[in-house]
Amino acid sequence: MPSKSEKHSEDRFHHPKIYTPYRENKLSPLFRWRGSVIPKVLPQTIFITILAVTVTALYQYTDIKLSIKPTFISIIGFIVSLLLGYRTNTAYDRYWEGRRLWSTLVVSIRNLVRCIWVNVKETEPKHLLEKKTAINLLLGFAVSVKHYLREEDGIDHPDLKPYITNIKSSLPAFHPLDKNNYKKKPSGFKKWFSHSISTSELGGDCENIVNHNLPLEISFYLSSYIRQQKINNSTDDSTISIMYNNLCTLTDCLSSLERVLRSPIPLAYSIHLAQTTWLYCLSLPFQLVSDNGWITIIITFFVTLILLGVEAIANEIENPFGKDENDLDLDDFCGILKLELVNIVAHKAPSMDDWVYSLENHPFETDSITATEAKHLNINEVRSILEEDNRRLSARSEKRSRNSTSDSDGSDGSDTLNQNEISIHVDS
């Protein structure tokens, strides 16, 4: 039975969101909870805040004065800011690189679909079936890359299986993965500190690591399709070259996405950053209590929330291919691509007669003649119509320029007149 995460992925694949991320949202980001890292860092923040309450209460009500000079804040704070800045920038670079590579992959798929659907001949029904099968493999390539990047092995995924059933016999058996297998999920006390180590790192506890490169195998089948079109002379050599180039780009994108996935920030750096950040946050109550009293609790809470939140954001987006709220929405990307390809293959490849020599095509700017009527003219008559278009458009442009100049002069004249009237009024 599919898990909740698998059901969500399948639903988003079949019903992707078509939206702009910059649309106006009624709820201000200040009050938004979904997508925030606050739920992840709140337990750690509460833990340190309890420490601040304890230190402050002891300082206020007992003779136990657990305070130190605040010079440590200025020293270690500068180091923490540098480490967090570098950590966040590096993580965002990986996030943006993943998005850029996926866009390049989609461009290559679109180019291949265009070449296959328009440039490859279809004189028999089997040719149309071959084209549709190749396009299905292209969609299967994108979906298989998604699962490959999420460390989800096998082919029995609801959004993948329909497009690659014809090559199933050569693939390994499917072993279902837990939705968090590609990101180690801690338990117990370790969960509090889970943000400290990069979630994209895979260790010995992670099972079912990908041992079969399904996207690469699909590329072999696509290459065989292109080779067969060359043998059958189904298209011209330039189209074959374009198709091979785009197939090479798909393989290049796959390798680059692997590089992003399998080259996390060095573990020693992540450990040192986590230890330094925690040392800084734990020392805050002891340095602030003598000067700030009970306000120490509030300061400690917000400073800890901010610092641990920044680190949690970096940990979340470092591997942008997962299922976290701020990861790349690969389910939507694949779903949108599916809608595009289904719409393309639902229509016959356009021919010149369908759209050039149409009664609705009026190619000239200043003449009501249609392309169907114009094709019966000789070439000199067509050129004369084009020249007349140019003359009329130039005349309109000059007229607009003169009108704008006269309007500007008129406004200047009225301003001068108003100034003269003011001067006369003052003199009188």
Protein backbone atom coordinates (compact mmCIF):
# COMPACT_ATOMS: atom_id res chain seq x y z
CA MET A 1 0.00 0.00 0.00
CA PRO A 2 1.52 3.35 -0.98
CA SER A 3 2.57 5.66 1.81
CA LYS A 4 1.09 9.11 2.37
CA SER A 5 4.18 10.67 0.79
CA GLU A 6 3.86 8.46 -2.30
CA LYS A 7 0.17 9.35 -2.65
CA HIS A 8 1.04 13.04 -2.41
CA SER A 9 3.75 12.70 -5.06
CA GLU A 10 1.40 10.83 -7.40
CA ASP A 11 -1.35 13.42 -6.94
CA ARG A 12 1.02 16.30 -7.63
CA PHE A 13 2.32 14.50 -10.71
CA HIS A 14 -1.16 14.05 -12.19
CA HIS A 15 -2.47 17.42 -10.96
CA PRO A 16 0.48 19.84 -10.89
CA LYS A 17 0.14 23.39 -9.67
CA ILE A 18 0.29 25.97 -12.44
CA TYR A 19 1.23 29.16 -10.65
CA THR A 20 3.73 31.94 -10.29
CA PRO A 21 5.62 31.99 -6.99
CA TYR A 22 5.49 35.79 -6.99
CA ARG A 23 1.72 36.10 -6.88
CA GLU A 24 0.29 38.18 -4.09
CA ASN A 25 -0.45 36.13 -0.99
CA LYS A 26 -3.10 37.27 1.44
CA LEU A 27 -1.08 35.99 4.37
CA SER A 28 2.09 37.91 5.11
CA PRO A 29 5.30 35.83 5.36
CA LEU A 30 5.57 37.14 8.91
CA PHE A 31 2.60 34.99 9.93
CA ARG A 32 3.11 31.96 7.72
CA TRP A 33 3.92 28.67 9.41
CA ARG A 34 3.99 26.26 6.49
CA GLY A 35 7.40 26.24 4.86
CA SER A 36 9.06 27.72 7.92
CA VAL A 37 11.88 25.96 9.75
CA ILE A 38 10.58 27.13 13.13
CA PRO A 39 8.89 23.77 13.89
CA LYS A 40 12.24 22.05 13.34
CA VAL A 41 14.29 24.31 15.60
CA LEU A 42 11.67 25.08 18.23
CA PRO A 43 12.55 22.08 20.47
CA GLN A 44 16.23 23.06 20.53
CA THR A 45 15.28 26.69 21.15
CA ILE A 46 13.02 25.73 24.06
CA PHE A 47 15.80 23.61 25.55
CA ILE A 48 18.24 26.55 25.55
CA THR A 49 15.51 28.92 26.78
CA ILE A 50 14.88 26.63 29.78
CA LEU A 51 18.58 26.89 30.53
CA ALA A 52 18.28 30.68 30.35
CA VAL A 53 15.32 30.62 32.77
CA THR A 54 17.32 28.48 35.20
CA VAL A 55 20.40 30.70 35.08
CA THR A 56 18.34 33.88 35.45
CA ALA A 57 16.27 32.53 38.35
CA LEU A 58 19.38 31.43 40.21
CA TYR A 59 20.96 34.84 39.63
CA GLN A 60 17.87 36.74 40.83
CA TYR A 61 16.79 34.64 43.83
CA THR A 62 19.94 32.97 45.13
CA ASP A 63 23.58 33.69 45.75
CA ILE A 64 24.55 31.49 42.80
CA LYS A 65 25.76 33.98 40.21
CA LEU A 66 26.45 31.99 37.05
CA SER A 67 27.63 34.90 34.96
CA ILE A 68 30.69 35.59 32.85
CA LYS A 69 31.93 38.67 31.08
CA PRO A 70 30.19 39.28 27.73
CA THR A 71 33.44 39.59 25.79
CA PHE A 72 32.95 36.01 24.60
CA ILE A 73 29.89 37.11 22.60
CA SER A 74 31.82 39.56 20.46
CA ILE A 75 34.64 37.10 19.83
CA ILE A 76 32.69 33.96 18.99
CA GLY A 77 29.74 35.85 17.46
CA PHE A 78 31.86 37.11 14.58
CA ILE A 79 33.08 33.58 13.87
CA VAL A 80 29.54 32.16 13.99
CA SER A 81 28.28 34.81 11.57
CA LEU A 82 31.04 34.00 9.08
CA LEU A 83 30.43 30.25 9.33
CA LEU A 84 26.67 30.59 8.96
CA GLY A 85 27.04 33.00 6.05
CA TYR A 86 29.32 30.65 4.18
CA ARG A 87 27.11 27.66 5.02
CA THR A 88 23.96 29.37 3.76
CA ASN A 89 25.57 30.66 0.57
CA THR A 90 27.01 27.25 -0.25
CA ALA A 91 23.67 25.53 0.36
CA TYR A 92 21.80 28.03 -1.81
CA ASP A 93 24.35 27.61 -4.59
CA ARG A 94 23.60 23.89 -4.57
CA TYR A 95 19.85 24.59 -4.57
CA TRP A 96 20.12 26.98 -7.50
CA GLU A 97 22.45 24.64 -9.39
CA GLY A 98 19.88 21.87 -9.04
CA ARG A 99 17.13 24.12 -10.39
CA ARG A 100 19.27 25.30 -13.30
CA LEU A 101 20.19 21.75 -14.27
CA TRP A 102 16.57 20.63 -14.15
CA SER A 103 15.58 23.52 -16.43
CA THR A 104 18.29 22.48 -18.90
CA LEU A 105 16.99 18.91 -18.77
CA VAL A 106 13.45 20.10 -19.57
CA VAL A 107 14.72 22.23 -22.47
CA SER A 108 16.45 19.21 -24.01
CA ILE A 109 13.34 17.05 -23.60
CA ARG A 110 11.21 19.71 -25.29
CA ASN A 111 13.67 19.96 -28.16
CA LEU A 112 13.70 16.19 -28.63
CA VAL A 113 9.90 16.02 -28.54
CA ARG A 114 9.67 18.80 -31.13
CA CYS A 115 12.13 17.07 -33.45
CA ILE A 116 10.45 13.69 -33.06
CA TRP A 117 6.88 14.90 -33.47
CA VAL A 118 7.43 17.36 -36.32
CA ASN A 119 10.55 16.28 -38.21
CA VAL A 120 10.28 12.49 -38.19
CA LYS A 121 8.11 11.12 -41.00
CA GLU A 122 4.99 9.11 -40.25
CA THR A 123 3.92 7.38 -43.46
CA GLU A 124 2.56 4.32 -41.63
CA PRO A 125 0.65 3.81 -38.35
CA LYS A 126 3.66 2.09 -36.80
CA HIS A 127 5.71 5.25 -37.27
CA LEU A 128 3.23 7.18 -35.14
CA LEU A 129 3.40 4.48 -32.48
CA GLU A 130 7.20 4.64 -32.51
CA LYS A 131 7.13 8.40 -32.05
CA LYS A 132 4.65 8.19 -29.17
CA THR A 133 6.70 5.46 -27.49
CA ALA A 134 9.88 7.55 -27.76
CA ILE A 135 8.09 10.56 -26.28
CA ASN A 136 6.83 8.37 -23.43
CA LEU A 137 10.43 7.37 -22.76
CA LEU A 138 11.43 11.04 -22.60
CA LEU A 139 8.79 11.65 -19.94
CA GLY A 140 9.92 8.46 -18.23
CA PHE A 141 13.47 9.80 -18.27
CA ALA A 142 12.44 12.93 -16.34
CA VAL A 143 10.38 10.96 -13.82
CA SER A 144 13.13 8.37 -13.36
CA VAL A 145 15.65 11.17 -12.71
CA LYS A 146 13.34 12.46 -9.98
CA HIS A 147 13.22 9.06 -8.26
CA TYR A 148 16.92 8.50 -8.85
CA LEU A 149 17.79 11.75 -7.09
CA ARG A 150 15.54 10.77 -4.19
CA GLU A 151 17.30 7.40 -3.85
CA GLU A 152 14.07 5.57 -4.74
CA ASP A 153 15.14 2.49 -6.63
CA GLY A 154 13.05 0.30 -8.91
CA ILE A 155 10.33 0.95 -11.47
CA ASP A 156 7.05 0.24 -9.67
CA HIS A 157 6.30 3.88 -8.97
CA PRO A 158 2.78 4.93 -10.05
CA ASP A 159 4.06 7.96 -11.95
CA LEU A 160 6.88 6.06 -13.69
CA LYS A 161 5.70 2.55 -14.49
CA PRO A 162 3.23 3.42 -17.31
CA TYR A 163 6.00 4.97 -19.41
CA ILE A 164 8.66 2.25 -19.17
CA THR A 165 6.74 -1.03 -18.96
CA ASN A 166 8.17 -2.00 -22.33
CA ILE A 167 11.71 -2.10 -20.90
CA LYS A 168 10.82 -3.61 -17.52
CA SER A 169 12.39 -6.99 -18.14
CA SER A 170 15.91 -5.59 -18.01
CA LEU A 171 15.45 -3.73 -14.71
CA PRO A 172 16.04 -4.93 -11.14
CA ALA A 173 13.27 -5.81 -8.75
CA PHE A 174 11.61 -3.00 -6.87
CA HIS A 175 12.30 -2.57 -3.16
CA PRO A 176 9.99 0.01 -1.56
CA LEU A 177 11.75 2.81 0.23
CA ASP A 178 10.66 4.70 3.26
CA LYS A 179 10.06 8.33 2.37
CA ASN A 180 12.99 9.45 4.53
CA ASN A 181 15.55 6.88 3.41
CA TYR A 182 17.37 9.45 1.36
CA LYS A 183 17.67 11.63 4.47
CA LYS A 184 18.66 9.96 7.71
CA LYS A 185 15.88 10.36 10.21
CA PRO A 186 17.07 10.45 13.83
CA SER A 187 14.99 9.35 16.77
CA GLY A 188 14.81 10.14 20.46
CA PHE A 189 17.15 12.74 21.84
CA LYS A 190 19.12 12.87 18.59
CA LYS A 191 16.08 14.35 16.86
CA TRP A 192 16.66 17.59 18.76
CA PHE A 193 20.06 17.93 17.20
CA SER A 194 19.21 16.51 13.78
CA HIS A 195 19.65 19.85 12.04
CA SER A 196 23.28 19.96 13.07
CA ILE A 197 24.43 17.42 10.47
CA SER A 198 23.62 17.75 6.80
CA THR A 199 20.49 15.77 5.95
CA SER A 200 21.85 14.99 2.50
CA GLU A 201 24.60 12.76 3.87
CA LEU A 202 24.13 9.02 3.48
CA GLY A 203 25.74 6.65 5.93
CA GLY A 204 25.79 2.97 6.70
CA ASP A 205 22.31 3.06 8.27
CA CYS A 206 20.63 3.97 4.98
CA GLU A 207 19.42 0.95 3.08
CA ASN A 208 18.30 0.49 -0.49
CA ILE A 209 20.84 2.90 -1.91
CA VAL A 210 20.44 3.18 -5.65
CA ASN A 211 22.39 0.44 -7.38
CA HIS A 212 20.93 0.85 -10.84
CA ASN A 213 20.95 3.93 -13.01
CA LEU A 214 17.54 3.78 -14.67
CA PRO A 215 17.77 7.19 -16.43
CA LEU A 216 21.03 6.14 -18.06
CA GLU A 217 19.44 2.93 -19.31
CA ILE A 218 16.51 4.88 -20.76
CA SER A 219 19.00 7.03 -22.65
CA PHE A 220 20.27 3.86 -24.39
CA TYR A 221 16.78 3.15 -25.71
CA LEU A 222 16.40 6.75 -26.88
CA SER A 223 19.74 6.51 -28.64
CA SER A 224 18.61 3.33 -30.41
CA TYR A 225 15.47 5.15 -31.60
CA ILE A 226 17.53 7.98 -33.10
CA ARG A 227 19.88 5.49 -34.75
CA GLN A 228 16.94 3.66 -36.31
CA GLN A 229 15.57 6.90 -37.76
CA LYS A 230 18.96 7.47 -39.35
CA ILE A 231 18.89 3.98 -40.85
CA ASN A 232 15.32 4.41 -42.13
CA ASN A 233 16.02 7.90 -43.52
CA SER A 234 12.96 9.08 -41.62
CA THR A 235 14.41 12.55 -41.16
CA ASP A 236 17.29 14.70 -42.34
CA ASP A 237 20.84 14.58 -41.00
CA SER A 238 20.61 17.94 -39.25
CA THR A 239 17.64 16.74 -37.20
CA ILE A 240 19.52 13.57 -36.28
CA SER A 241 22.44 15.71 -35.12
CA ILE A 242 20.14 17.94 -33.06
CA MET A 243 18.53 14.92 -31.44
CA TYR A 244 21.89 13.37 -30.54
CA ASN A 245 23.11 16.69 -29.11
CA ASN A 246 20.04 17.02 -26.91
CA LEU A 247 20.36 13.42 -25.78
CA CYS A 248 23.96 14.15 -24.78
CA THR A 249 22.68 17.17 -22.85
CA LEU A 250 20.26 14.92 -20.96
CA THR A 251 23.12 12.65 -19.94
CA ASP A 252 25.22 15.65 -18.96
CA CYS A 253 22.40 17.00 -16.78
CA LEU A 254 22.03 13.60 -15.12
CA SER A 255 25.74 13.51 -14.28
CA SER A 256 25.69 17.09 -12.98
CA LEU A 257 22.65 16.38 -10.82
CA GLU A 258 24.51 13.37 -9.41
CA ARG A 259 27.39 15.69 -8.57
CA VAL A 260 25.09 17.99 -6.60
CA LEU A 261 23.49 15.03 -4.81
CA ARG A 262 26.65 13.13 -3.92
CA SER A 263 29.00 15.98 -3.04
CA PRO A 264 27.66 17.44 0.21
CA ILE A 265 29.49 19.98 2.29
CA PRO A 266 32.33 18.18 4.12
CA LEU A 267 31.15 16.49 7.30
CA ALA A 268 33.89 18.05 9.43
CA TYR A 269 32.71 21.52 8.43
CA SER A 270 29.08 20.74 9.31
CA ILE A 271 30.08 19.27 12.66
CA HIS A 272 32.30 22.22 13.56
CA LEU A 273 29.60 24.73 12.59
CA ALA A 274 26.99 22.91 14.67
CA GLN A 275 29.28 22.72 17.69
CA THR A 276 30.26 26.38 17.44
CA THR A 277 26.65 27.53 17.06
CA TRP A 278 25.51 25.48 20.03
CA LEU A 279 28.41 26.70 22.17
CA TYR A 280 27.48 30.28 21.35
CA CYS A 281 23.78 29.79 22.11
CA LEU A 282 24.44 27.89 25.35
CA SER A 283 26.77 30.64 26.58
CA LEU A 284 24.27 33.45 26.00
CA PRO A 285 22.43 33.26 29.37
CA PHE A 286 25.68 33.29 31.35
CA GLN A 287 26.93 36.41 29.54
CA LEU A 288 23.68 38.40 29.49
CA VAL A 289 22.17 37.72 32.90
CA SER A 290 24.23 40.23 34.88
CA ASP A 291 23.30 43.20 32.67
CA ASN A 292 19.83 42.27 31.44
CA GLY A 293 18.16 40.32 34.24
CA TRP A 294 14.89 38.67 33.19
CA ILE A 295 15.21 40.12 29.69
CA THR A 296 17.97 37.54 29.21
CA ILE A 297 15.31 34.88 28.64
CA ILE A 298 13.69 36.75 25.75
CA ILE A 299 17.02 37.65 24.15
CA THR A 300 18.26 34.07 24.39
CA PHE A 301 15.06 32.70 22.88
CA PHE A 302 15.08 34.91 19.79
CA VAL A 303 18.84 34.79 19.17
CA THR A 304 18.80 30.99 19.38
CA LEU A 305 15.74 30.76 17.14
CA ILE A 306 17.41 32.94 14.51
CA LEU A 307 20.80 31.22 14.49
CA LEU A 308 19.49 27.67 14.56
CA GLY A 309 16.87 28.63 11.99
CA VAL A 310 19.48 29.87 9.53
CA GLU A 311 21.45 26.67 9.95
CA ALA A 312 18.28 24.58 9.51
CA ILE A 313 17.46 26.40 6.26
CA ALA A 314 20.91 25.61 4.91
CA ASN A 315 20.57 21.95 5.89
CA GLU A 316 17.17 21.72 4.21
CA ILE A 317 18.08 23.24 0.85
CA GLU A 318 21.53 21.67 0.59
CA ASN A 319 19.89 18.60 -0.95
CA PRO A 320 17.14 20.24 -3.05
CA PHE A 321 15.77 17.00 -4.51
CA GLY A 322 13.91 15.64 -1.48
CA LYS A 323 10.40 16.16 -0.19
CA ASP A 324 10.92 18.93 2.34
CA GLU A 325 8.70 21.97 2.06
CA ASN A 326 11.51 24.11 0.64
CA ASP A 327 12.99 21.53 -1.72
CA LEU A 328 12.49 21.72 -5.46
CA ASP A 329 9.01 20.49 -6.30
CA LEU A 330 10.07 17.80 -8.74
CA ASP A 331 6.60 16.24 -8.66
CA ASP A 332 5.12 19.45 -10.04
CA PHE A 333 7.90 19.85 -12.59
CA CYS A 334 7.29 16.35 -13.95
CA GLY A 335 3.54 16.84 -13.88
CA ILE A 336 3.74 20.05 -15.90
CA LEU A 337 6.02 18.34 -18.41
CA LYS A 338 3.52 15.49 -18.69
CA LEU A 339 0.67 17.93 -19.45
CA GLU A 340 2.78 19.57 -22.15
CA LEU A 341 3.67 16.30 -23.86
CA VAL A 342 0.11 14.96 -23.71
CA ASN A 343 -1.14 18.16 -25.32
CA ILE A 344 1.52 17.98 -28.06
CA VAL A 345 0.83 14.40 -29.11
CA ALA A 346 -2.92 15.03 -29.08
CA HIS A 347 -2.55 17.18 -32.20
CA LYS A 348 -1.15 16.43 -35.59
CA ALA A 349 2.18 18.04 -36.39
CA PRO A 350 1.41 21.36 -38.12
CA SER A 351 2.07 21.75 -41.83
CA MET A 352 2.71 24.95 -43.75
CA ASP A 353 -0.65 24.81 -45.51
CA ASP A 354 -2.48 24.70 -42.18
CA TRP A 355 -1.23 28.00 -40.83
CA VAL A 356 0.47 29.98 -43.61
CA TYR A 357 -2.15 29.70 -46.35
CA SER A 358 -5.08 30.16 -44.03
CA LEU A 359 -7.98 32.57 -44.53
CA GLU A 360 -7.29 33.93 -41.04
CA ASN A 361 -3.69 34.81 -41.89
CA HIS A 362 -3.29 38.50 -42.81
CA PRO A 363 0.50 38.84 -43.14
CA PHE A 364 0.56 42.51 -44.20
CA GLU A 365 0.21 45.40 -41.82
CA THR A 366 -1.71 47.83 -44.03
CA ASP A 367 -3.54 45.59 -46.46
CA SER A 368 -6.56 43.37 -45.84
CA ILE A 369 -5.37 40.80 -48.36
CA THR A 370 -4.97 37.28 -46.93
CA ALA A 371 -2.08 34.90 -47.51
CA THR A 372 -4.36 32.68 -49.59
CA GLU A 373 -5.03 35.59 -51.94
CA ALA A 374 -1.47 36.88 -51.89
CA LYS A 375 0.03 33.58 -53.03
CA HIS A 376 -1.51 34.17 -56.49
CA LEU A 377 0.35 37.49 -56.89
CA ASN A 378 3.74 37.73 -58.50
CA ILE A 379 6.76 38.49 -56.38
CA ASN A 380 6.98 42.15 -57.42
CA GLU A 381 3.40 42.78 -56.33
CA VAL A 382 4.12 41.23 -52.95
CA ARG A 383 7.24 43.37 -52.56
CA SER A 384 5.29 46.51 -53.43
CA ILE A 385 2.80 45.70 -50.66
CA LEU A 386 5.68 45.29 -48.21
CA GLU A 387 7.19 48.62 -49.30
CA GLU A 388 3.82 50.31 -48.84
CA ASP A 389 3.66 48.80 -45.34
CA ASN A 390 7.01 50.35 -44.53
CA ARG A 391 6.03 53.81 -45.87
CA ARG A 392 2.76 53.93 -43.96
CA LEU A 393 4.34 52.76 -40.72
CA SER A 394 7.12 55.35 -41.07
CA ALA A 395 4.55 58.08 -41.65
CA ARG A 396 2.63 57.06 -38.55
CA SER A 397 5.80 57.05 -36.49
CA GLU A 398 6.75 60.55 -37.67
CA LYS A 399 3.25 61.84 -36.94
CA ARG A 400 3.36 60.48 -33.40
CA SER A 401 6.78 62.03 -32.90
CA ARG A 402 5.53 65.46 -34.06
CA ASN A 403 2.48 65.23 -31.81
CA SER A 404 4.56 64.36 -28.78
CA THR A 405 6.93 67.26 -29.54
CA SER A 406 4.08 69.74 -29.92
CA ASP A 407 2.51 68.52 -26.67
CA SER A 408 5.82 69.03 -24.91
CA ASP A 409 6.20 72.55 -26.36
CA GLY A 410 2.63 73.38 -25.36
CA SER A 411 3.26 72.36 -21.78
CA ASP A 412 6.47 74.43 -21.69
CA GLY A 413 4.62 77.44 -23.09
CA SER A 414 1.87 77.20 -20.51
CA ASP A 415 4.48 76.93 -17.76
CA THR A 416 6.19 80.08 -19.08
CA LEU A 417 2.86 81.88 -19.24
CA ASN A 418 2.05 80.91 -15.67
CA GLN A 419 5.46 82.17 -14.54
CA ASN A 420 4.86 85.52 -16.30
CA GLU A 421 1.44 85.85 -14.68
CA ILE A 422 2.98 85.20 -11.26
CA SER A 423 5.68 87.80 -11.95
CA ILE A 424 3.11 90.43 -13.00
CA HIS A 425 1.02 89.70 -9.94
CA VAL A 426 4.03 90.11 -7.64
CA ASP A 427 5.05 93.40 -9.31
CA SER A 428 1.59 94.80 -8.92
